[in-house]
Amino acid sequence: MQRIREPVRVAAVFAPGRQIKPVWFDWQRKKYTVCETTYCWKDKAGDATLLHFSVTDGTALFELIYNTADQGWTLNGVEAD
């Protein structure tokens, strides 16, 4: 997986039960529609909880991170065929 670590704009659905579902994100002036969330996990960075989402647009795999402290999103990495 190629590390990116860039802030990105993400549209997400905040569902009941504290579940978050990324729907699309912008990266390098292109909009990527999330077809599937393949895996999610969380960890901590200081006082912030980081929610990791492994998502695919059908052609590539991306890792998005949601920082609950500053409510920002980061594209952490991408793996393309």
PDB file of N, CA and C in Angstrom:
ATOM      1  N   MET A   1       0.852  -1.179   0.000  1.00  0.00           N
ATOM      2  CA  MET A   1       0.000   0.000   0.000  1.00  0.00           C
ATOM      3  C   MET A   1       0.891   1.234   0.000  1.00  0.00           C
ATOM      4  N   GLN A   2       0.599   2.152  -0.898  1.00  0.00           N
ATOM      5  CA  GLN A   2       1.346   3.407  -0.976  1.00  0.00           C
ATOM      6  C   GLN A   2       0.797   4.381   0.064  1.00  0.00           C
ATOM      7  N   ARG A   3       1.663   4.900   0.920  1.00  0.00           N
ATOM      8  CA  ARG A   3       1.258   5.852   1.955  1.00  0.00           C
ATOM      9  C   ARG A   3       1.030   7.220   1.334  1.00  0.00           C
ATOM     10  N   ILE A   4      -0.085   7.836   1.678  1.00  0.00           N
ATOM     11  CA  ILE A   4      -0.449   9.148   1.148  1.00  0.00           C
ATOM     12  C   ILE A   4      -0.423  10.201   2.263  1.00  0.00           C
ATOM     13  N   ARG A   5      -1.186   9.979   3.308  1.00  0.00           N
ATOM     14  CA  ARG A   5      -1.274  10.865   4.483  1.00  0.00           C
ATOM     15  C   ARG A   5      -1.620  12.303   4.101  1.00  0.00           C
ATOM     16  N   GLU A   6      -2.727  12.462   3.359  1.00  0.00           N
ATOM     17  CA  GLU A   6      -3.210  13.785   2.960  1.00  0.00           C
ATOM     18  C   GLU A   6      -4.614  14.011   3.495  1.00  0.00           C
ATOM     19  N   PRO A   7      -4.911  15.227   3.946  1.00  0.00           N
ATOM     20  CA  PRO A   7      -6.293  15.525   4.333  1.00  0.00           C
ATOM     21  C   PRO A   7      -7.189  15.472   3.102  1.00  0.00           C
ATOM     22  N   VAL A   8      -8.387  14.912   3.277  1.00  0.00           N
ATOM     23  CA  VAL A   8      -9.346  14.814   2.182  1.00  0.00           C
ATOM     24  C   VAL A   8     -10.738  15.202   2.688  1.00  0.00           C
ATOM     25  N   ARG A   9     -11.577  15.571   1.728  1.00  0.00           N
ATOM     26  CA  ARG A   9     -12.970  15.877   2.028  1.00  0.00           C
ATOM     27  C   ARG A   9     -13.760  14.591   1.825  1.00  0.00           C
ATOM     28  N   VAL A  10     -14.564  14.222   2.848  1.00  0.00           N
ATOM     29  CA  VAL A  10     -15.320  12.972   2.824  1.00  0.00           C
ATOM     30  C   VAL A  10     -16.778  13.263   3.132  1.00  0.00           C
ATOM     31  N   ALA A  11     -17.669  12.613   2.383  1.00  0.00           N
ATOM     32  CA  ALA A  11     -19.094  12.616   2.727  1.00  0.00           C
ATOM     33  C   ALA A  11     -19.361  11.287   3.419  1.00  0.00           C
ATOM     34  N   ALA A  12     -19.963  11.359   4.589  1.00  0.00           N
ATOM     35  CA  ALA A  12     -20.216  10.146   5.358  1.00  0.00           C
ATOM     36  C   ALA A  12     -21.606  10.204   5.974  1.00  0.00           C
ATOM     37  N   VAL A  13     -22.170   9.026   6.180  1.00  0.00           N
ATOM     38  CA  VAL A  13     -23.449   8.896   6.861  1.00  0.00           C
ATOM     39  C   VAL A  13     -23.147   8.490   8.298  1.00  0.00           C
ATOM     40  N   PHE A  14     -23.677   9.269   9.228  1.00  0.00           N
ATOM     41  CA  PHE A  14     -23.537   8.959  10.646  1.00  0.00           C
ATOM     42  C   PHE A  14     -24.835   8.281  11.067  1.00  0.00           C
ATOM     43  N   ALA A  15     -24.801   6.953  11.152  1.00  0.00           N
ATOM     44  CA  ALA A  15     -25.991   6.151  11.396  1.00  0.00           C
ATOM     45  C   ALA A  15     -26.232   5.963  12.892  1.00  0.00           C
ATOM     46  N   PRO A  16     -27.439   5.551  13.250  1.00  0.00           N
ATOM     47  CA  PRO A  16     -27.703   5.249  14.669  1.00  0.00           C
ATOM     48  C   PRO A  16     -26.738   4.186  15.180  1.00  0.00           C
ATOM     49  N   GLY A  17     -26.448   4.247  16.454  1.00  0.00           N
ATOM     50  CA  GLY A  17     -25.521   3.291  17.051  1.00  0.00           C
ATOM     51  C   GLY A  17     -24.069   3.674  16.855  1.00  0.00           C
ATOM     52  N   ARG A  18     -23.826   4.955  16.551  1.00  0.00           N
ATOM     53  CA  ARG A  18     -22.469   5.496  16.405  1.00  0.00           C
ATOM     54  C   ARG A  18     -21.706   4.914  15.222  1.00  0.00           C
ATOM     55  N   GLN A  19     -22.398   4.383  14.251  1.00  0.00           N
ATOM     56  CA  GLN A  19     -21.729   3.848  13.071  1.00  0.00           C
ATOM     57  C   GLN A  19     -21.542   4.947  12.035  1.00  0.00           C
ATOM     58  N   ILE A  20     -20.366   4.952  11.413  1.00  0.00           N
ATOM     59  CA  ILE A  20     -20.027   5.927  10.381  1.00  0.00           C
ATOM     60  C   ILE A  20     -19.762   5.167   9.093  1.00  0.00           C
ATOM     61  N   LYS A  21     -20.363   5.654   8.007  1.00  0.00           N
ATOM     62  CA  LYS A  21     -20.177   4.999   6.717  1.00  0.00           C
ATOM     63  C   LYS A  21     -19.718   6.031   5.691  1.00  0.00           C
ATOM     64  N   PRO A  22     -18.436   5.981   5.267  1.00  0.00           N
ATOM     65  CA  PRO A  22     -17.982   6.877   4.207  1.00  0.00           C
ATOM     66  C   PRO A  22     -18.737   6.556   2.906  1.00  0.00           C
ATOM     67  N   VAL A  23     -19.178   7.612   2.202  1.00  0.00           N
ATOM     68  CA  VAL A  23     -19.951   7.440   0.970  1.00  0.00           C
ATOM     69  C   VAL A  23     -19.106   7.820  -0.250  1.00  0.00           C
ATOM     70  N   TRP A  24     -18.376   8.920  -0.164  1.00  0.00           N
ATOM     71  CA  TRP A  24     -17.456   9.342  -1.228  1.00  0.00           C
ATOM     72  C   TRP A  24     -16.397  10.238  -0.617  1.00  0.00           C
ATOM     73  N   PHE A  25     -15.298  10.441  -1.381  1.00  0.00           N
ATOM     74  CA  PHE A  25     -14.251  11.364  -0.950  1.00  0.00           C
ATOM     75  C   PHE A  25     -13.595  11.976  -2.174  1.00  0.00           C
ATOM     76  N   ASP A  26     -13.010  13.154  -1.979  1.00  0.00           N
ATOM     77  CA  ASP A  26     -12.272  13.861  -3.023  1.00  0.00           C
ATOM     78  C   ASP A  26     -10.787  13.706  -2.754  1.00  0.00           C
ATOM     79  N   TRP A  27     -10.046  13.385  -3.821  1.00  0.00           N
ATOM     80  CA  TRP A  27      -8.586  13.304  -3.718  1.00  0.00           C
ATOM     81  C   TRP A  27      -8.003  13.663  -5.080  1.00  0.00           C
ATOM     82  N   GLN A  28      -7.067  14.575  -5.089  1.00  0.00           N
ATOM     83  CA  GLN A  28      -6.402  15.046  -6.300  1.00  0.00           C
ATOM     84  C   GLN A  28      -7.423  15.479  -7.359  1.00  0.00           C
ATOM     85  N   ARG A  29      -8.391  16.257  -6.909  1.00  0.00           N
ATOM     86  CA  ARG A  29      -9.430  16.832  -7.771  1.00  0.00           C
ATOM     87  C   ARG A  29     -10.308  15.788  -8.456  1.00  0.00           C
ATOM     88  N   LYS A  30     -10.408  14.605  -7.856  1.00  0.00           N
ATOM     89  CA  LYS A  30     -11.266  13.553  -8.382  1.00  0.00           C
ATOM     90  C   LYS A  30     -12.154  13.038  -7.258  1.00  0.00           C
ATOM     91  N   LYS A  31     -13.405  12.759  -7.590  1.00  0.00           N
ATOM     92  CA  LYS A  31     -14.349  12.232  -6.611  1.00  0.00           C
ATOM     93  C   LYS A  31     -14.396  10.710  -6.734  1.00  0.00           C
ATOM     94  N   TYR A  32     -14.202  10.030  -5.610  1.00  0.00           N
ATOM     95  CA  TYR A  32     -14.235   8.573  -5.542  1.00  0.00           C
ATOM     96  C   TYR A  32     -15.484   8.141  -4.774  1.00  0.00           C
ATOM     97  N   THR A  33     -16.299   7.310  -5.380  1.00  0.00           N
ATOM     98  CA  THR A  33     -17.494   6.791  -4.726  1.00  0.00           C
ATOM     99  C   THR A  33     -17.142   5.477  -4.044  1.00  0.00           C
ATOM    100  N   VAL A  34     -17.470   5.374  -2.772  1.00  0.00           N
ATOM    101  CA  VAL A  34     -17.177   4.168  -2.003  1.00  0.00           C
ATOM    102  C   VAL A  34     -18.225   3.114  -2.331  1.00  0.00           C
ATOM    103  N   CYS A  35     -17.776   2.012  -2.907  1.00  0.00           N
ATOM    104  CA  CYS A  35     -18.669   0.887  -3.236  1.00  0.00           C
ATOM    105  C   CYS A  35     -18.853  -0.034  -2.032  1.00  0.00           C
ATOM    106  N   GLU A  36     -17.774  -0.163  -1.239  1.00  0.00           N
ATOM    107  CA  GLU A  36     -17.811  -1.107  -0.121  1.00  0.00           C
ATOM    108  C   GLU A  36     -16.770  -0.721   0.925  1.00  0.00           C
ATOM    109  N   THR A  37     -17.143  -0.885   2.179  1.00  0.00           N
ATOM    110  CA  THR A  37     -16.185  -0.799   3.280  1.00  0.00           C
ATOM    111  C   THR A  37     -15.777  -2.224   3.593  1.00  0.00           C
ATOM    112  N   THR A  38     -14.505  -2.538   3.376  1.00  0.00           N
ATOM    113  CA  THR A  38     -14.052  -3.919   3.531  1.00  0.00           C
ATOM    114  C   THR A  38     -13.630  -4.254   4.958  1.00  0.00           C
ATOM    115  N   TYR A  39     -13.223  -3.234   5.708  1.00  0.00           N
ATOM    116  CA  TYR A  39     -12.765  -3.472   7.081  1.00  0.00           C
ATOM    117  C   TYR A  39     -12.723  -2.133   7.802  1.00  0.00           C
ATOM    118  N   CYS A  40     -12.950  -2.140   9.107  1.00  0.00           N
ATOM    119  CA  CYS A  40     -12.783  -0.921   9.907  1.00  0.00           C
ATOM    120  C   CYS A  40     -12.252  -1.299  11.282  1.00  0.00           C
ATOM    121  N   TRP A  41     -11.474  -0.377  11.858  1.00  0.00           N
ATOM    122  CA  TRP A  41     -10.880  -0.573  13.168  1.00  0.00           C
ATOM    123  C   TRP A  41     -10.602   0.785  13.781  1.00  0.00           C
ATOM    124  N   LYS A  42     -10.238   0.800  15.050  1.00  0.00           N
ATOM    125  CA  LYS A  42      -9.920   2.067  15.705  1.00  0.00           C
ATOM    126  C   LYS A  42      -8.667   1.931  16.536  1.00  0.00           C
ATOM    127  N   ASP A  43      -8.012   3.083  16.730  1.00  0.00           N
ATOM    128  CA  ASP A  43      -6.876   3.164  17.627  1.00  0.00           C
ATOM    129  C   ASP A  43      -6.842   4.561  18.220  1.00  0.00           C
ATOM    130  N   LYS A  44      -5.817   4.849  18.984  1.00  0.00           N
ATOM    131  CA  LYS A  44      -5.704   6.137  19.671  1.00  0.00           C
ATOM    132  C   LYS A  44      -4.428   6.843  19.246  1.00  0.00           C
ATOM    133  N   ALA A  45      -4.511   8.179  19.211  1.00  0.00           N
ATOM    134  CA  ALA A  45      -3.345   9.041  19.027  1.00  0.00           C
ATOM    135  C   ALA A  45      -3.481  10.131  20.078  1.00  0.00           C
ATOM    136  N   GLY A  46      -2.821   9.946  21.207  1.00  0.00           N
ATOM    137  CA  GLY A  46      -3.010  10.867  22.320  1.00  0.00           C
ATOM    138  C   GLY A  46      -4.423  10.726  22.852  1.00  0.00           C
ATOM    139  N   ASP A  47      -5.135  11.849  22.942  1.00  0.00           N
ATOM    140  CA  ASP A  47      -6.513  11.824  23.421  1.00  0.00           C
ATOM    141  C   ASP A  47      -7.520  11.536  22.310  1.00  0.00           C
ATOM    142  N   ALA A  48      -7.076  11.553  21.072  1.00  0.00           N
ATOM    143  CA  ALA A  48      -7.984  11.372  19.936  1.00  0.00           C
ATOM    144  C   ALA A  48      -8.170   9.894  19.604  1.00  0.00           C
ATOM    145  N   THR A  49      -9.404   9.548  19.295  1.00  0.00           N
ATOM    146  CA  THR A  49      -9.698   8.225  18.756  1.00  0.00           C
ATOM    147  C   THR A  49      -9.673   8.332  17.238  1.00  0.00           C
ATOM    148  N   LEU A  50      -8.945   7.426  16.603  1.00  0.00           N
ATOM    149  CA  LEU A  50      -8.856   7.399  15.145  1.00  0.00           C
ATOM    150  C   LEU A  50      -9.645   6.208  14.635  1.00  0.00           C
ATOM    151  N   LEU A  51     -10.588   6.468  13.741  1.00  0.00           N
ATOM    152  CA  LEU A  51     -11.397   5.415  13.140  1.00  0.00           C
ATOM    153  C   LEU A  51     -10.877   5.171  11.730  1.00  0.00           C
ATOM    154  N   HIS A  52     -10.413   3.967  11.468  1.00  0.00           N
ATOM    155  CA  HIS A  52      -9.839   3.592  10.181  1.00  0.00           C
ATOM    156  C   HIS A  52     -10.887   2.858   9.355  1.00  0.00           C
ATOM    157  N   PHE A  53     -10.954   3.182   8.076  1.00  0.00           N
ATOM    158  CA  PHE A  53     -11.880   2.537   7.151  1.00  0.00           C
ATOM    159  C   PHE A  53     -11.100   2.087   5.921  1.00  0.00           C
ATOM    160  N   SER A  54     -11.145   0.807   5.640  1.00  0.00           N
ATOM    161  CA  SER A  54     -10.597   0.281   4.400  1.00  0.00           C
ATOM    162  C   SER A  54     -11.765   0.230   3.420  1.00  0.00           C
ATOM    163  N   VAL A  55     -11.682   1.034   2.349  1.00  0.00           N
ATOM    164  CA  VAL A  55     -12.800   1.159   1.415  1.00  0.00           C
ATOM    165  C   VAL A  55     -12.318   0.933  -0.014  1.00  0.00           C
ATOM    166  N   THR A  56     -13.250   0.573  -0.889  1.00  0.00           N
ATOM    167  CA  THR A  56     -12.928   0.404  -2.294  1.00  0.00           C
ATOM    168  C   THR A  56     -13.934   1.148  -3.159  1.00  0.00           C
ATOM    169  N   ASP A  57     -13.429   1.620  -4.291  1.00  0.00           N
ATOM    170  CA  ASP A  57     -14.302   2.238  -5.292  1.00  0.00           C
ATOM    171  C   ASP A  57     -14.563   1.250  -6.430  1.00  0.00           C
ATOM    172  N   GLY A  58     -14.164   0.009  -6.238  1.00  0.00           N
ATOM    173  CA  GLY A  58     -14.328  -1.019  -7.243  1.00  0.00           C
ATOM    174  C   GLY A  58     -13.069  -1.285  -8.050  1.00  0.00           C
ATOM    175  N   THR A  59     -12.108  -0.361  -7.980  1.00  0.00           N
ATOM    176  CA  THR A  59     -10.856  -0.554  -8.717  1.00  0.00           C
ATOM    177  C   THR A  59      -9.621  -0.457  -7.827  1.00  0.00           C
ATOM    178  N   ALA A  60      -9.702   0.276  -6.748  1.00  0.00           N
ATOM    179  CA  ALA A  60      -8.558   0.455  -5.841  1.00  0.00           C
ATOM    180  C   ALA A  60      -9.033   0.345  -4.396  1.00  0.00           C
ATOM    181  N   LEU A  61      -8.085   0.099  -3.509  1.00  0.00           N
ATOM    182  CA  LEU A  61      -8.355   0.010  -2.079  1.00  0.00           C
ATOM    183  C   LEU A  61      -7.734   1.228  -1.409  1.00  0.00           C
ATOM    184  N   PHE A  62      -8.507   1.884  -0.539  1.00  0.00           N
ATOM    185  CA  PHE A  62      -8.065   3.096   0.139  1.00  0.00           C
ATOM    186  C   PHE A  62      -8.214   2.922   1.646  1.00  0.00           C
ATOM    187  N   GLU A  63      -7.340   3.578   2.403  1.00  0.00           N
ATOM    188  CA  GLU A  63      -7.507   3.646   3.855  1.00  0.00           C
ATOM    189  C   GLU A  63      -7.815   5.086   4.226  1.00  0.00           C
ATOM    190  N   LEU A  64      -9.018   5.293   4.760  1.00  0.00           N
ATOM    191  CA  LEU A  64      -9.441   6.600   5.256  1.00  0.00           C
ATOM    192  C   LEU A  64      -9.407   6.575   6.775  1.00  0.00           C
ATOM    193  N   ILE A  65      -8.994   7.694   7.372  1.00  0.00           N
ATOM    194  CA  ILE A  65      -8.960   7.796   8.832  1.00  0.00           C
ATOM    195  C   ILE A  65      -9.786   9.003   9.251  1.00  0.00           C
ATOM    196  N   TYR A  66     -10.701   8.782  10.203  1.00  0.00           N
ATOM    197  CA  TYR A  66     -11.495   9.861  10.788  1.00  0.00           C
ATOM    198  C   TYR A  66     -10.961  10.132  12.188  1.00  0.00           C
ATOM    199  N   ASN A  67     -10.539  11.371  12.443  1.00  0.00           N
ATOM    200  CA  ASN A  67     -10.042  11.792  13.749  1.00  0.00           C
ATOM    201  C   ASN A  67     -11.219  12.369  14.522  1.00  0.00           C
ATOM    202  N   THR A  68     -11.620  11.712  15.611  1.00  0.00           N
ATOM    203  CA  THR A  68     -12.796  12.157  16.361  1.00  0.00           C
ATOM    204  C   THR A  68     -12.538  13.451  17.133  1.00  0.00           C
ATOM    205  N   ALA A  69     -11.282  13.791  17.383  1.00  0.00           N
ATOM    206  CA  ALA A  69     -10.975  15.010  18.128  1.00  0.00           C
ATOM    207  C   ALA A  69     -11.168  16.259  17.265  1.00  0.00           C
ATOM    208  N   ASP A  70     -10.591  16.257  16.060  1.00  0.00           N
ATOM    209  CA  ASP A  70     -10.715  17.447  15.203  1.00  0.00           C
ATOM    210  C   ASP A  70     -11.737  17.262  14.078  1.00  0.00           C
ATOM    211  N   GLN A  71     -12.351  16.071  14.021  1.00  0.00           N
ATOM    212  CA  GLN A  71     -13.382  15.723  13.040  1.00  0.00           C
ATOM    213  C   GLN A  71     -12.889  15.856  11.600  1.00  0.00           C
ATOM    214  N   GLY A  72     -11.596  15.600  11.410  1.00  0.00           N
ATOM    215  CA  GLY A  72     -11.000  15.664  10.085  1.00  0.00           C
ATOM    216  C   GLY A  72     -10.763  14.274   9.520  1.00  0.00           C
ATOM    217  N   TRP A  73     -10.700  14.210   8.202  1.00  0.00           N
ATOM    218  CA  TRP A  73     -10.443  12.958   7.485  1.00  0.00           C
ATOM    219  C   TRP A  73      -9.076  13.015   6.814  1.00  0.00           C
ATOM    220  N   THR A  74      -8.401  11.867   6.784  1.00  0.00           N
ATOM    221  CA  THR A  74      -7.106  11.729   6.124  1.00  0.00           C
ATOM    222  C   THR A  74      -7.145  10.499   5.227  1.00  0.00           C
ATOM    223  N   LEU A  75      -6.627  10.658   4.006  1.00  0.00           N
ATOM    224  CA  LEU A  75      -6.387   9.495   3.155  1.00  0.00           C
ATOM    225  C   LEU A  75      -5.009   8.995   3.537  1.00  0.00           C
ATOM    226  N   ASN A  76      -4.954   7.862   4.193  1.00  0.00           N
ATOM    227  CA  ASN A  76      -3.688   7.344   4.711  1.00  0.00           C
ATOM    228  C   ASN A  76      -2.912   6.550   3.661  1.00  0.00           C
ATOM    229  N   GLY A  77      -3.632   5.848   2.780  1.00  0.00           N
ATOM    230  CA  GLY A  77      -2.941   5.056   1.790  1.00  0.00           C
ATOM    231  C   GLY A  77      -3.861   4.590   0.672  1.00  0.00           C
ATOM    232  N   VAL A  78      -3.241   4.128  -0.408  1.00  0.00           N
ATOM    233  CA  VAL A  78      -3.992   3.619  -1.558  1.00  0.00           C
ATOM    234  C   VAL A  78      -3.235   2.434  -2.139  1.00  0.00           C
ATOM    235  N   GLU A  79      -3.998   1.427  -2.580  1.00  0.00           N
ATOM    236  CA  GLU A  79      -3.425   0.272  -3.255  1.00  0.00           C
ATOM    237  C   GLU A  79      -4.223   0.060  -4.531  1.00  0.00           C
ATOM    238  N   ALA A  80      -3.572   0.293  -5.657  1.00  0.00           N
ATOM    239  CA  ALA A  80      -4.223   0.156  -6.960  1.00  0.00           C
ATOM    240  C   ALA A  80      -3.697  -1.076  -7.675  1.00  0.00           C
ATOM    241  N   ASP A  81      -4.521  -1.617  -8.552  1.00  0.00           N
ATOM    242  CA  ASP A  81      -4.111  -2.794  -9.335  1.00  0.00           C
ATOM    243  C   ASP A  81      -3.069  -2.459 -10.360  1.00  0.00           C
TER     244      ASP A  81
END
